[in-house]
C-alpha atoms as a PDB file:
ATOM      1  CA  UNK A   1      89.832 122.587 125.914  1.00  0.00           C
ATOM      2  CA  UNK A   2      93.937 123.544 125.430  1.00  0.00           C
ATOM      3  CA  UNK A   3      96.615 123.085 122.427  1.00  0.00           C
ATOM      4  CA  UNK A   4      99.703 121.001 123.351  1.00  0.00           C
ATOM      5  CA  UNK A   5     102.119 122.888 122.338  1.00  0.00           C
ATOM      6  CA  UNK A   6     103.225 120.006 119.541  1.00  0.00           C
ATOM      7  CA  UNK A   7      99.356 120.888 118.283  1.00  0.00           C
ATOM      8  CA  UNK A   8     100.075 124.560 117.975  1.00  0.00           C
ATOM      9  CA  UNK A   9     103.524 123.621 115.882  1.00  0.00           C
ATOM     10  CA  UNK A  10     101.512 121.543 113.508  1.00  0.00           C
ATOM     11  CA  UNK A  11      99.108 123.941 112.981  1.00  0.00           C
ATOM     12  CA  UNK A  12     101.166 126.388 111.656  1.00  0.00           C
ATOM     13  CA  UNK A  13     103.413 124.324 109.711  1.00  0.00           C
ATOM     14  CA  UNK A  14      99.997 122.561 108.776  1.00  0.00           C
ATOM     15  CA  UNK A  15      97.820 124.497 109.014  1.00  0.00           C
ATOM     16  CA  UNK A  16      93.406 123.401 108.773  1.00  0.00           C
ATOM     17  CA  UNK A  17      92.028 123.821 105.655  1.00  0.00           C
ATOM     18  CA  UNK A  18      88.090 122.914 104.679  1.00  0.00           C
ATOM     19  CA  UNK A  19      87.841 120.539 102.535  1.00  0.00           C
ATOM     20  CA  UNK A  20      85.327 121.771 100.983  1.00  0.00           C
ATOM     21  CA  UNK A  21      86.489 125.199  99.442  1.00  0.00           C
ATOM     22  CA  UNK A  22      90.455 124.880 101.035  1.00  0.00           C
ATOM     23  CA  UNK A  23      89.966 128.324 102.909  1.00  0.00           C
ATOM     24  CA  UNK A  24      92.621 128.257 105.737  1.00  0.00           C
ATOM     25  CA  UNK A  25      90.573 126.794 109.230  1.00  0.00           C
ATOM     26  CA  UNK A  26      88.684 124.428 110.406  1.00  0.00           C
ATOM     27  CA  UNK A  27      88.680 121.124 108.098  1.00  0.00           C
ATOM     28  CA  UNK A  28      85.075 121.995 107.069  1.00  0.00           C
ATOM     29  CA  UNK A  29      84.117 125.700 107.211  1.00  0.00           C
ATOM     30  CA  UNK A  30      80.084 126.655 108.136  1.00  0.00           C
ATOM     31  CA  UNK A  31      79.318 127.014 104.507  1.00  0.00           C
ATOM     32  CA  UNK A  32      80.680 124.076 103.170  1.00  0.00           C
ATOM     33  CA  UNK A  33      78.799 122.299 105.930  1.00  0.00           C
ATOM     34  CA  UNK A  34      75.368 123.488 104.770  1.00  0.00           C
ATOM     35  CA  UNK A  35      76.419 120.990 101.585  1.00  0.00           C
ATOM     36  CA  UNK A  36      77.326 117.911 104.066  1.00  0.00           C
ATOM     37  CA  UNK A  37      74.820 118.477 106.544  1.00  0.00           C
ATOM     38  CA  UNK A  38      73.159 115.069 107.658  1.00  0.00           C
ATOM     39  CA  UNK A  39      69.495 114.578 106.289  1.00  0.00           C
ATOM     40  CA  UNK A  40      67.519 111.261 105.639  1.00  0.00           C
ATOM     41  CA  UNK A  41      66.892 110.581 101.551  1.00  0.00           C
ATOM     42  CA  UNK A  42      65.308 107.219 100.813  1.00  0.00           C
ATOM     43  CA  UNK A  43      65.578 105.226  97.342  1.00  0.00           C
ATOM     44  CA  UNK A  44      64.639 102.005  96.366  1.00  0.00           C
ATOM     45  CA  UNK A  45      66.416  98.728  93.921  1.00  0.00           C
ATOM     46  CA  UNK A  46      64.995  96.218  92.459  1.00  0.00           C
ATOM     47  CA  UNK A  47      66.583  93.016  91.813  1.00  0.00           C
ATOM     48  CA  UNK A  48      65.283  90.295  90.333  1.00  0.00           C
ATOM     49  CA  UNK A  49      61.630  91.271  90.834  1.00  0.00           C
ATOM     50  CA  UNK A  50      62.310  92.605  94.753  1.00  0.00           C
ATOM     51  CA  UNK A  51      63.127  96.020  95.994  1.00  0.00           C
ATOM     52  CA  UNK A  52      65.276  97.095  98.771  1.00  0.00           C
ATOM     53  CA  UNK A  53      65.722 100.383 101.007  1.00  0.00           C
ATOM     54  CA  UNK A  54      68.435 102.712  99.995  1.00  0.00           C
ATOM     55  CA  UNK A  55      68.658 104.848 102.460  1.00  0.00           C
ATOM     56  CA  UNK A  56      71.379 108.216 102.668  1.00  0.00           C
ATOM     57  CA  UNK A  57      72.260 111.440 104.690  1.00  0.00           C
ATOM     58  CA  UNK A  58      73.807 113.910 102.229  1.00  0.00           C
ATOM     59  CA  UNK A  59      73.101 115.500  98.786  1.00  0.00           C
ATOM     60  CA  UNK A  60      76.010 115.034  96.151  1.00  0.00           C
ATOM     61  CA  UNK A  61      77.224 118.194  94.823  1.00  0.00           C
ATOM     62  CA  UNK A  62      80.237 119.660  94.383  1.00  0.00           C
ATOM     63  CA  UNK A  63      81.196 119.871  98.490  1.00  0.00           C
ATOM     64  CA  UNK A  64      80.437 116.505  99.103  1.00  0.00           C
ATOM     65  CA  UNK A  65      82.399 115.266  95.969  1.00  0.00           C
ATOM     66  CA  UNK A  66      85.566 116.970  97.807  1.00  0.00           C
ATOM     67  CA  UNK A  67      84.847 115.169 100.737  1.00  0.00           C
ATOM     68  CA  UNK A  68      84.433 111.706  99.111  1.00  0.00           C
ATOM     69  CA  UNK A  69      87.544 111.893  97.533  1.00  0.00           C
ATOM     70  CA  UNK A  70      89.455 113.393 100.312  1.00  0.00           C
ATOM     71  CA  UNK A  71      87.859 110.283 102.395  1.00  0.00           C
ATOM     72  CA  UNK A  72      88.919 107.403  99.767  1.00  0.00           C
ATOM     73  CA  UNK A  73      91.559 109.016  97.568  1.00  0.00           C
ATOM     74  CA  UNK A  74      93.280 111.436  99.748  1.00  0.00           C
ATOM     75  CA  UNK A  75      93.775 109.282 103.344  1.00  0.00           C
ATOM     76  CA  UNK A  76      92.174 112.603 104.777  1.00  0.00           C
ATOM     77  CA  UNK A  77      90.928 112.042 108.640  1.00  0.00           C
ATOM     78  CA  UNK A  78      88.739 114.459 108.604  1.00  0.00           C
ATOM     79  CA  UNK A  79      87.002 113.505 105.352  1.00  0.00           C
ATOM     80  CA  UNK A  80      86.583 109.962 106.783  1.00  0.00           C
ATOM     81  CA  UNK A  81      85.340 111.246 109.984  1.00  0.00           C
ATOM     82  CA  UNK A  82      82.711 113.117 107.673  1.00  0.00           C
ATOM     83  CA  UNK A  83      81.520 109.911 105.977  1.00  0.00           C
ATOM     84  CA  UNK A  84      81.466 107.489 108.885  1.00  0.00           C
ATOM     85  CA  UNK A  85      79.112 110.480 110.462  1.00  0.00           C
ATOM     86  CA  UNK A  86      77.334 110.599 107.700  1.00  0.00           C
ATOM     87  CA  UNK A  87      76.744 106.128 107.306  1.00  0.00           C
ATOM     88  CA  UNK A  88      76.348 106.316 110.818  1.00  0.00           C
ATOM     89  CA  UNK A  89      73.076 108.498 110.351  1.00  0.00           C
ATOM     90  CA  UNK A  90      71.878 106.361 107.144  1.00  0.00           C
ATOM     91  CA  UNK A  91      72.729 103.695 109.375  1.00  0.00           C
ATOM     92  CA  UNK A  92      70.523 104.331 112.452  1.00  0.00           C
ATOM     93  CA  UNK A  93      67.240 105.709 110.317  1.00  0.00           C
ATOM     94  CA  UNK A  94      67.699 101.923 108.472  1.00  0.00           C
ATOM     95  CA  UNK A  95      68.062  99.682 111.728  1.00  0.00           C
ATOM     96  CA  UNK A  96      64.417 101.254 113.147  1.00  0.00           C
ATOM     97  CA  UNK A  97      63.104 101.245 110.273  1.00  0.00           C
ATOM     98  CA  UNK A  98      63.863  98.057 108.597  1.00  0.00           C
ATOM     99  CA  UNK A  99      66.537  96.157 111.066  1.00  0.00           C
ATOM    100  CA  UNK A 100      69.771  94.572 109.910  1.00  0.00           C
ATOM    101  CA  UNK A 101      72.000  93.293 111.923  1.00  0.00           C
ATOM    102  CA  UNK A 102      75.795  92.624 109.558  1.00  0.00           C
ATOM    103  CA  UNK A 103      77.336  95.092 107.762  1.00  0.00           C
ATOM    104  CA  UNK A 104      78.773  94.051 104.486  1.00  0.00           C
ATOM    105  CA  UNK A 105      80.936  96.894 102.977  1.00  0.00           C
ATOM    106  CA  UNK A 106      81.166  96.780  99.054  1.00  0.00           C
ATOM    107  CA  UNK A 107      84.031  95.655  97.732  1.00  0.00           C
ATOM    108  CA  UNK A 108      86.826  97.734  96.411  1.00  0.00           C
ATOM    109  CA  UNK A 109      88.851  97.014  92.908  1.00  0.00           C
ATOM    110  CA  UNK A 110      92.164  95.529  93.765  1.00  0.00           C
ATOM    111  CA  UNK A 111      93.672  98.173  91.867  1.00  0.00           C
ATOM    112  CA  UNK A 112      91.969 100.882  93.763  1.00  0.00           C
ATOM    113  CA  UNK A 113      93.091  99.361  96.321  1.00  0.00           C
ATOM    114  CA  UNK A 114      96.653  99.459  96.256  1.00  0.00           C
ATOM    115  CA  UNK A 115      96.807 102.363  95.031  1.00  0.00           C
ATOM    116  CA  UNK A 116      95.010 104.137  98.120  1.00  0.00           C
ATOM    117  CA  UNK A 117      97.146 101.537 100.021  1.00  0.00           C
ATOM    118  CA  UNK A 118      94.421 100.457 102.235  1.00  0.00           C
ATOM    119  CA  UNK A 119      90.902  98.795 101.600  1.00  0.00           C
ATOM    120  CA  UNK A 120      88.738 102.305 102.298  1.00  0.00           C
ATOM    121  CA  UNK A 121      85.559 101.248 102.228  1.00  0.00           C
ATOM    122  CA  UNK A 122      85.763  98.341 104.800  1.00  0.00           C
ATOM    123  CA  UNK A 123      87.458 100.546 107.364  1.00  0.00           C
ATOM    124  CA  UNK A 124      85.003 103.615 107.154  1.00  0.00           C
ATOM    125  CA  UNK A 125      81.914 100.701 107.825  1.00  0.00           C
ATOM    126  CA  UNK A 126      84.470  98.800 110.646  1.00  0.00           C
ATOM    127  CA  UNK A 127      84.312 101.828 112.496  1.00  0.00           C
ATOM    128  CA  UNK A 128      80.577 102.765 111.856  1.00  0.00           C
ATOM    129  CA  UNK A 129      80.004  99.810 113.295  1.00  0.00           C
ATOM    130  CA  UNK A 130      81.877 100.162 116.002  1.00  0.00           C
ATOM    131  CA  UNK A 131      80.646 103.638 116.973  1.00  0.00           C
ATOM    132  CA  UNK A 132      76.583 102.739 116.735  1.00  0.00           C
ATOM    133  CA  UNK A 133      73.940 102.469 119.323  1.00  0.00           C
ATOM    134  CA  UNK A 134      72.365  99.551 118.292  1.00  0.00           C
ATOM    135  CA  UNK A 135      73.970  95.826 118.512  1.00  0.00           C
ATOM    136  CA  UNK A 136      75.719  96.054 114.949  1.00  0.00           C
ATOM    137  CA  UNK A 137      78.380  94.100 113.329  1.00  0.00           C
ATOM    138  CA  UNK A 138      80.739  94.251 110.314  1.00  0.00           C
ATOM    139  CA  UNK A 139      82.082  90.967 108.108  1.00  0.00           C
ATOM    140  CA  UNK A 140      85.510  92.975 108.260  1.00  0.00           C
ATOM    141  CA  UNK A 141      86.669  89.408 105.900  1.00  0.00           C
ATOM    142  CA  UNK A 142      86.154  88.771 102.356  1.00  0.00           C
ATOM    143  CA  UNK A 143      82.446  87.874 102.341  1.00  0.00           C
ATOM    144  CA  UNK A 144      81.667  89.956  98.814  1.00  0.00           C
ATOM    145  CA  UNK A 145      84.186  89.885  95.945  1.00  0.00           C
ATOM    146  CA  UNK A 146      85.022  90.603  92.437  1.00  0.00           C
ATOM    147  CA  UNK A 147      84.858  87.595  90.560  1.00  0.00           C
ATOM    148  CA  UNK A 148      85.223  89.398  87.557  1.00  0.00           C
ATOM    149  CA  UNK A 149      87.014  92.685  86.874  1.00  0.00           C
ATOM    150  CA  UNK A 150      85.426  95.467  86.248  1.00  0.00           C
ATOM    151  CA  UNK A 151      85.746  99.439  85.007  1.00  0.00           C
ATOM    152  CA  UNK A 152      85.609 102.423  87.369  1.00  0.00           C
ATOM    153  CA  UNK A 153      82.222 103.178  87.067  1.00  0.00           C
ATOM    154  CA  UNK A 154      82.445 107.443  87.259  1.00  0.00           C
ATOM    155  CA  UNK A 155      83.009 108.249  83.357  1.00  0.00           C
ATOM    156  CA  UNK A 156      79.992 105.026  82.280  1.00  0.00           C
ATOM    157  CA  UNK A 157      76.292 106.221  81.797  1.00  0.00           C
ATOM    158  CA  UNK A 158      73.048 104.039  83.728  1.00  0.00           C
ATOM    159  CA  UNK A 159      73.142 101.469  80.670  1.00  0.00           C
ATOM    160  CA  UNK A 160      76.459 100.927  80.708  1.00  0.00           C
ATOM    161  CA  UNK A 161      76.934 100.895  84.650  1.00  0.00           C
ATOM    162  CA  UNK A 162      74.656  98.132  85.148  1.00  0.00           C
ATOM    163  CA  UNK A 163      76.469  96.398  82.258  1.00  0.00           C
ATOM    164  CA  UNK A 164      79.808  96.348  83.940  1.00  0.00           C
ATOM    165  CA  UNK A 165      78.950  95.290  87.103  1.00  0.00           C
ATOM    166  CA  UNK A 166      76.264  92.582  86.546  1.00  0.00           C
ATOM    167  CA  UNK A 167      77.648  89.397  87.377  1.00  0.00           C
ATOM    168  CA  UNK A 168      80.251  90.596  88.570  1.00  0.00           C
ATOM    169  CA  UNK A 169      80.083  89.913  92.651  1.00  0.00           C
ATOM    170  CA  UNK A 170      80.096  86.965  94.060  1.00  0.00           C
ATOM    171  CA  UNK A 171      80.258  84.831  97.655  1.00  0.00           C
ATOM    172  CA  UNK A 172      82.833  82.940  98.370  1.00  0.00           C
ATOM    173  CA  UNK A 173      82.216  78.428  98.452  1.00  0.00           C
ATOM    174  CA  UNK A 174      83.408  78.781 102.398  1.00  0.00           C
ATOM    175  CA  UNK A 175      80.622  81.720 103.628  1.00  0.00           C
ATOM    176  CA  UNK A 176      77.644  80.517 104.658  1.00  0.00           C
ATOM    177  CA  UNK A 177      74.413  81.867 105.959  1.00  0.00           C
ATOM    178  CA  UNK A 178      75.417  79.755 109.072  1.00  0.00           C
ATOM    179  CA  UNK A 179      79.121  79.370 110.188  1.00  0.00           C
ATOM    180  CA  UNK A 180      80.164  77.297 113.398  1.00  0.00           C
ATOM    181  CA  UNK A 181      76.501  78.036 115.075  1.00  0.00           C
ATOM    182  CA  UNK A 182      76.344  81.502 114.458  1.00  0.00           C
ATOM    183  CA  UNK A 183      73.995  83.519 112.088  1.00  0.00           C
ATOM    184  CA  UNK A 184      75.248  85.910 109.925  1.00  0.00           C
ATOM    185  CA  UNK A 185      72.336  88.062 109.052  1.00  0.00           C
ATOM    186  CA  UNK A 186      70.305  90.130 108.583  1.00  0.00           C
ATOM    187  CA  UNK A 187      72.274  92.093 106.691  1.00  0.00           C
ATOM    188  CA  UNK A 188      72.650  96.017 105.501  1.00  0.00           C
ATOM    189  CA  UNK A 189      75.153  96.921 102.380  1.00  0.00           C
ATOM    190  CA  UNK A 190      77.570  99.816 103.123  1.00  0.00           C
ATOM    191  CA  UNK A 191      78.780 101.894 100.248  1.00  0.00           C
ATOM    192  CA  UNK A 192      79.808 105.842  99.950  1.00  0.00           C
ATOM    193  CA  UNK A 193      77.862 106.789  96.917  1.00  0.00           C
ATOM    194  CA  UNK A 194      74.834 105.932  95.181  1.00  0.00           C
ATOM    195  CA  UNK A 195      74.495 107.004  91.310  1.00  0.00           C
ATOM    196  CA  UNK A 196      72.262 104.368  89.841  1.00  0.00           C
ATOM    197  CA  UNK A 197      72.172 101.379  92.523  1.00  0.00           C
ATOM    198  CA  UNK A 198      73.596  99.193  90.134  1.00  0.00           C
ATOM    199  CA  UNK A 199      76.724  98.550  91.990  1.00  0.00           C
ATOM    200  CA  UNK A 200      74.194  97.619  94.871  1.00  0.00           C
ATOM    201  CA  UNK A 201      71.964  95.767  93.500  1.00  0.00           C
ATOM    202  CA  UNK A 202      74.325  93.699  92.324  1.00  0.00           C
ATOM    203  CA  UNK A 203      75.464  93.095  95.929  1.00  0.00           C
ATOM    204  CA  UNK A 204      72.308  91.963  97.198  1.00  0.00           C
ATOM    205  CA  UNK A 205      71.993  89.631  94.145  1.00  0.00           C
ATOM    206  CA  UNK A 206      75.535  88.089  95.001  1.00  0.00           C
ATOM    207  CA  UNK A 207      74.324  88.024  98.276  1.00  0.00           C
ATOM    208  CA  UNK A 208      71.174  86.525  98.113  1.00  0.00           C
ATOM    209  CA  UNK A 209      72.265  83.784  96.008  1.00  0.00           C
ATOM    210  CA  UNK A 210      73.879  82.880  97.695  1.00  0.00           C
ATOM    211  CA  UNK A 211      71.350  82.144 100.731  1.00  0.00           C
ATOM    212  CA  UNK A 212      72.098  85.683 103.080  1.00  0.00           C
ATOM    213  CA  UNK A 213      69.198  87.483 103.789  1.00  0.00           C
ATOM    214  CA  UNK A 214      69.192  90.939 103.260  1.00  0.00           C
ATOM    215  CA  UNK A 215      67.149  93.886 104.169  1.00  0.00           C
ATOM    216  CA  UNK A 216      68.712  96.784 101.757  1.00  0.00           C
ATOM    217  CA  UNK A 217      71.335  99.118 101.819  1.00  0.00           C
ATOM    218  CA  UNK A 218      72.714 102.813 103.333  1.00  0.00           C
ATOM    219  CA  UNK A 219      74.950 105.054 101.675  1.00  0.00           C
ATOM    220  CA  UNK A 220      77.122 108.463 103.121  1.00  0.00           C
ATOM    221  CA  UNK A 221      76.198 110.515  99.822  1.00  0.00           C
ATOM    222  CA  UNK A 222      73.070 110.192  96.674  1.00  0.00           C
ATOM    223  CA  UNK A 223      73.134 111.169  93.461  1.00  0.00           C
ATOM    224  CA  UNK A 224      70.869 111.533  91.400  1.00  0.00           C
ATOM    225  CA  UNK A 225      70.268 108.351  89.285  1.00  0.00           C
ATOM    226  CA  UNK A 226      72.337 109.055  85.740  1.00  0.00           C
ATOM    227  CA  UNK A 227      70.456 108.216  82.052  1.00  0.00           C
END
Protein backbone atom coordinates (compact mmCIF):
# COMPACT_ATOMS: atom_id res chain seq x y z
CA UNK A 1 0.00 0.00 0.00
CA UNK A 2 1.39 3.39 -1.01
CA UNK A 3 1.93 5.81 1.86
CA UNK A 4 0.18 9.15 1.82
CA UNK A 5 2.21 12.39 1.97
CA UNK A 6 0.85 12.95 5.49
CA UNK A 7 2.05 9.52 6.57
CA UNK A 8 5.46 10.11 5.01
CA UNK A 9 5.77 13.41 6.88
CA UNK A 10 4.67 11.78 10.15
CA UNK A 11 7.31 9.06 9.70
CA UNK A 12 9.98 11.73 9.29
CA UNK A 13 8.91 13.70 12.36
CA UNK A 14 7.99 10.71 14.53
CA UNK A 15 9.91 7.72 13.12
CA UNK A 16 8.77 4.29 14.27
CA UNK A 17 10.88 2.44 16.79
CA UNK A 18 10.80 -1.18 17.83
CA UNK A 19 8.87 -1.58 21.08
CA UNK A 20 11.33 -4.22 22.23
CA UNK A 21 14.74 -2.72 21.47
CA UNK A 22 13.97 0.91 20.40
CA UNK A 23 15.76 0.54 17.08
CA UNK A 24 14.40 2.69 14.26
CA UNK A 25 12.10 0.81 11.92
CA UNK A 26 8.86 -1.09 12.40
CA UNK A 27 6.92 -1.32 15.67
CA UNK A 28 8.59 -4.65 16.54
CA UNK A 29 11.66 -5.93 14.71
CA UNK A 30 12.21 -9.53 13.63
CA UNK A 31 14.63 -10.24 16.49
CA UNK A 32 12.21 -9.00 19.14
CA UNK A 33 9.28 -10.64 17.37
CA UNK A 34 10.87 -14.02 18.15
CA UNK A 35 10.19 -13.30 21.84
CA UNK A 36 6.59 -12.33 21.10
CA UNK A 37 5.57 -15.21 18.87
CA UNK A 38 2.27 -16.86 19.88
CA UNK A 39 2.43 -20.43 21.16
CA UNK A 40 0.04 -22.25 23.46
CA UNK A 41 0.93 -22.51 27.14
CA UNK A 42 -1.28 -24.31 29.66
CA UNK A 43 -1.55 -23.55 33.37
CA UNK A 44 -4.14 -24.26 36.03
CA UNK A 45 -5.38 -22.31 39.02
CA UNK A 46 -7.05 -23.93 41.99
CA UNK A 47 -10.16 -22.42 43.56
CA UNK A 48 -11.89 -24.05 46.51
CA UNK A 49 -10.93 -27.56 45.50
CA UNK A 50 -11.56 -27.16 41.76
CA UNK A 51 -9.00 -26.48 39.03
CA UNK A 52 -9.47 -24.13 36.09
CA UNK A 53 -7.43 -23.97 32.87
CA UNK A 54 -5.48 -20.86 31.92
CA UNK A 55 -4.23 -20.53 28.34
CA UNK A 56 -1.48 -18.05 27.47
CA UNK A 57 0.35 -17.23 24.24
CA UNK A 58 3.69 -15.62 25.05
CA UNK A 59 6.38 -16.51 27.56
CA UNK A 60 7.40 -13.57 29.74
CA UNK A 61 10.76 -12.02 28.81
CA UNK A 62 12.36 -8.56 28.77
CA UNK A 63 10.78 -8.01 25.34
CA UNK A 64 7.36 -9.16 26.57
CA UNK A 65 7.72 -6.86 29.56
CA UNK A 66 8.30 -3.86 27.28
CA UNK A 67 5.32 -4.78 25.10
CA UNK A 68 3.01 -5.10 28.12
CA UNK A 69 4.23 -1.87 29.70
CA UNK A 70 3.96 -0.02 26.38
CA UNK A 71 0.33 -1.09 26.09
CA UNK A 72 -0.63 -0.74 29.73
CA UNK A 73 1.21 2.39 30.81
CA UNK A 74 2.09 4.23 27.59
CA UNK A 75 -1.06 3.60 25.54
CA UNK A 76 0.95 2.70 22.42
CA UNK A 77 -1.40 1.40 19.72
CA UNK A 78 1.14 -1.03 18.23
CA UNK A 79 1.65 -2.63 21.65
CA UNK A 80 -2.13 -2.86 22.13
CA UNK A 81 -2.35 -4.76 18.85
CA UNK A 82 0.39 -7.19 19.86
CA UNK A 83 -1.40 -7.92 23.14
CA UNK A 84 -4.79 -8.26 21.42
CA UNK A 85 -3.27 -10.73 18.95
CA UNK A 86 -1.76 -12.76 21.80
CA UNK A 87 -5.02 -12.86 23.77
CA UNK A 88 -6.95 -13.74 20.60
CA UNK A 89 -4.58 -16.65 20.01
CA UNK A 90 -5.15 -17.90 23.57
CA UNK A 91 -8.89 -17.39 23.27
CA UNK A 92 -9.22 -19.33 20.03
CA UNK A 93 -7.52 -22.38 21.55
CA UNK A 94 -9.43 -22.07 24.82
CA UNK A 95 -12.87 -22.00 23.21
CA UNK A 96 -12.11 -25.01 21.01
CA UNK A 97 -10.85 -27.01 23.99
CA UNK A 98 -13.00 -25.80 26.91
CA UNK A 99 -15.89 -23.73 25.52
CA UNK A 100 -17.17 -20.45 26.92
CA UNK A 101 -19.31 -17.64 25.57
CA UNK A 102 -18.67 -14.41 27.50
CA UNK A 103 -15.45 -12.55 28.33
CA UNK A 104 -14.85 -10.75 31.62
CA UNK A 105 -11.78 -8.56 32.10
CA UNK A 106 -9.88 -8.39 35.38
CA UNK A 107 -10.66 -4.92 36.79
CA UNK A 108 -7.86 -2.39 37.18
CA UNK A 109 -7.32 -0.45 40.37
CA UNK A 110 -9.09 2.90 40.26
CA UNK A 111 -5.82 4.80 40.71
CA UNK A 112 -4.28 2.94 37.77
CA UNK A 113 -7.28 3.68 35.55
CA UNK A 114 -7.12 7.38 36.42
CA UNK A 115 -3.38 7.49 35.74
CA UNK A 116 -3.68 5.74 32.37
CA UNK A 117 -6.72 7.71 31.29
CA UNK A 118 -8.51 4.57 30.16
CA UNK A 119 -9.71 1.18 31.31
CA UNK A 120 -6.81 -0.61 29.65
CA UNK A 121 -7.78 -4.27 29.92
CA UNK A 122 -11.45 -3.60 29.22
CA UNK A 123 -10.51 -2.01 25.87
CA UNK A 124 -8.17 -4.88 24.99
CA UNK A 125 -10.77 -7.52 25.91
CA UNK A 126 -13.53 -5.75 23.99
CA UNK A 127 -11.43 -5.74 20.83
CA UNK A 128 -10.46 -9.40 21.26
CA UNK A 129 -14.17 -10.27 21.47
CA UNK A 130 -14.99 -8.13 18.43
CA UNK A 131 -12.45 -9.79 16.13
CA UNK A 132 -13.00 -13.33 17.39
CA UNK A 133 -14.18 -15.86 14.81
CA UNK A 134 -16.23 -17.48 17.55
CA UNK A 135 -19.57 -16.15 18.75
CA UNK A 136 -18.18 -14.52 21.85
CA UNK A 137 -19.40 -11.49 23.78
CA UNK A 138 -17.83 -9.14 26.30
CA UNK A 139 -19.43 -7.74 29.42
CA UNK A 140 -18.37 -4.09 29.22
CA UNK A 141 -20.09 -3.13 32.48
CA UNK A 142 -18.49 -3.62 35.88
CA UNK A 143 -19.44 -7.20 36.66
CA UNK A 144 -16.24 -7.50 38.71
CA UNK A 145 -15.26 -4.72 41.11
CA UNK A 146 -12.76 -4.21 43.90
CA UNK A 147 -14.49 -4.56 47.26
CA UNK A 148 -11.43 -3.17 49.02
CA UNK A 149 -8.15 -1.54 48.07
CA UNK A 150 -5.23 -3.66 46.87
CA UNK A 151 -1.55 -2.95 46.33
CA UNK A 152 0.33 -3.09 43.06
CA UNK A 153 1.29 -6.77 42.74
CA UNK A 154 4.58 -6.28 40.88
CA UNK A 155 6.78 -6.01 43.98
CA UNK A 156 5.06 -8.77 45.98
CA UNK A 157 6.09 -12.41 46.38
CA UNK A 158 3.73 -15.35 45.95
CA UNK A 159 2.33 -15.42 49.49
CA UNK A 160 1.98 -11.63 49.56
CA UNK A 161 0.05 -11.66 46.29
CA UNK A 162 -2.43 -14.22 47.57
CA UNK A 163 -2.95 -12.17 50.74
CA UNK A 164 -3.19 -8.94 48.76
CA UNK A 165 -6.08 -10.08 46.55
CA UNK A 166 -7.84 -12.56 48.83
CA UNK A 167 -11.47 -11.45 49.11
CA UNK A 168 -10.71 -8.25 47.18
CA UNK A 169 -13.07 -8.82 44.23
CA UNK A 170 -16.85 -8.96 44.22
CA UNK A 171 -19.84 -8.99 41.87
CA UNK A 172 -22.35 -6.13 42.39
CA UNK A 173 -25.72 -7.30 43.70
CA UNK A 174 -27.51 -6.19 40.50
CA UNK A 175 -25.61 -8.78 38.43
CA UNK A 176 -27.13 -12.21 38.26
CA UNK A 177 -26.43 -15.17 35.96
CA UNK A 178 -29.73 -14.35 34.25
CA UNK A 179 -30.71 -10.74 33.54
CA UNK A 180 -33.83 -9.85 31.54
CA UNK A 181 -34.22 -13.40 30.28
CA UNK A 182 -30.70 -13.45 28.81
CA UNK A 183 -28.00 -15.84 29.95
CA UNK A 184 -24.61 -14.43 30.93
CA UNK A 185 -21.93 -17.06 30.58
CA UNK A 186 -20.24 -19.45 30.62
CA UNK A 187 -17.48 -16.99 31.47
CA UNK A 188 -13.86 -16.74 30.39
CA UNK A 189 -11.70 -14.35 32.41
CA UNK A 190 -9.12 -12.23 30.60
CA UNK A 191 -5.87 -10.74 31.95
CA UNK A 192 -2.71 -9.48 30.30
CA UNK A 193 -0.32 -11.65 32.35
CA UNK A 194 -0.42 -14.58 34.74
CA UNK A 195 2.36 -14.98 37.28
CA UNK A 196 1.16 -16.72 40.45
CA UNK A 197 -2.46 -16.93 39.31
CA UNK A 198 -3.68 -15.31 42.54
CA UNK A 199 -5.71 -12.59 40.79
CA UNK A 200 -7.36 -15.01 38.39
CA UNK A 201 -8.21 -17.37 41.25
CA UNK A 202 -9.80 -14.51 43.20
CA UNK A 203 -11.84 -13.46 40.15
CA UNK A 204 -13.08 -17.02 39.67
CA UNK A 205 -14.00 -17.26 43.37
CA UNK A 206 -16.00 -14.01 43.25
CA UNK A 207 -17.87 -14.95 40.07
CA UNK A 208 -18.65 -18.45 41.32
CA UNK A 209 -19.93 -17.05 44.61
CA UNK A 210 -22.37 -14.90 42.62
CA UNK A 211 -23.68 -17.96 40.80
CA UNK A 212 -21.84 -17.70 37.48
CA UNK A 213 -20.35 -20.60 35.58
CA UNK A 214 -16.64 -19.98 34.90
CA UNK A 215 -14.71 -22.04 32.36
CA UNK A 216 -11.25 -20.64 33.11
CA UNK A 217 -9.06 -17.82 31.86
CA UNK A 218 -6.87 -16.59 29.02
CA UNK A 219 -3.93 -14.22 29.14
CA UNK A 220 -1.56 -12.66 26.66
CA UNK A 221 1.60 -13.71 28.50
CA UNK A 222 2.69 -15.95 31.35
CA UNK A 223 5.60 -15.81 33.76
CA UNK A 224 7.01 -18.56 35.93
CA UNK A 225 5.36 -18.52 39.37
CA UNK A 226 7.14 -16.54 42.06
CA UNK A 227 8.24 -18.11 45.33
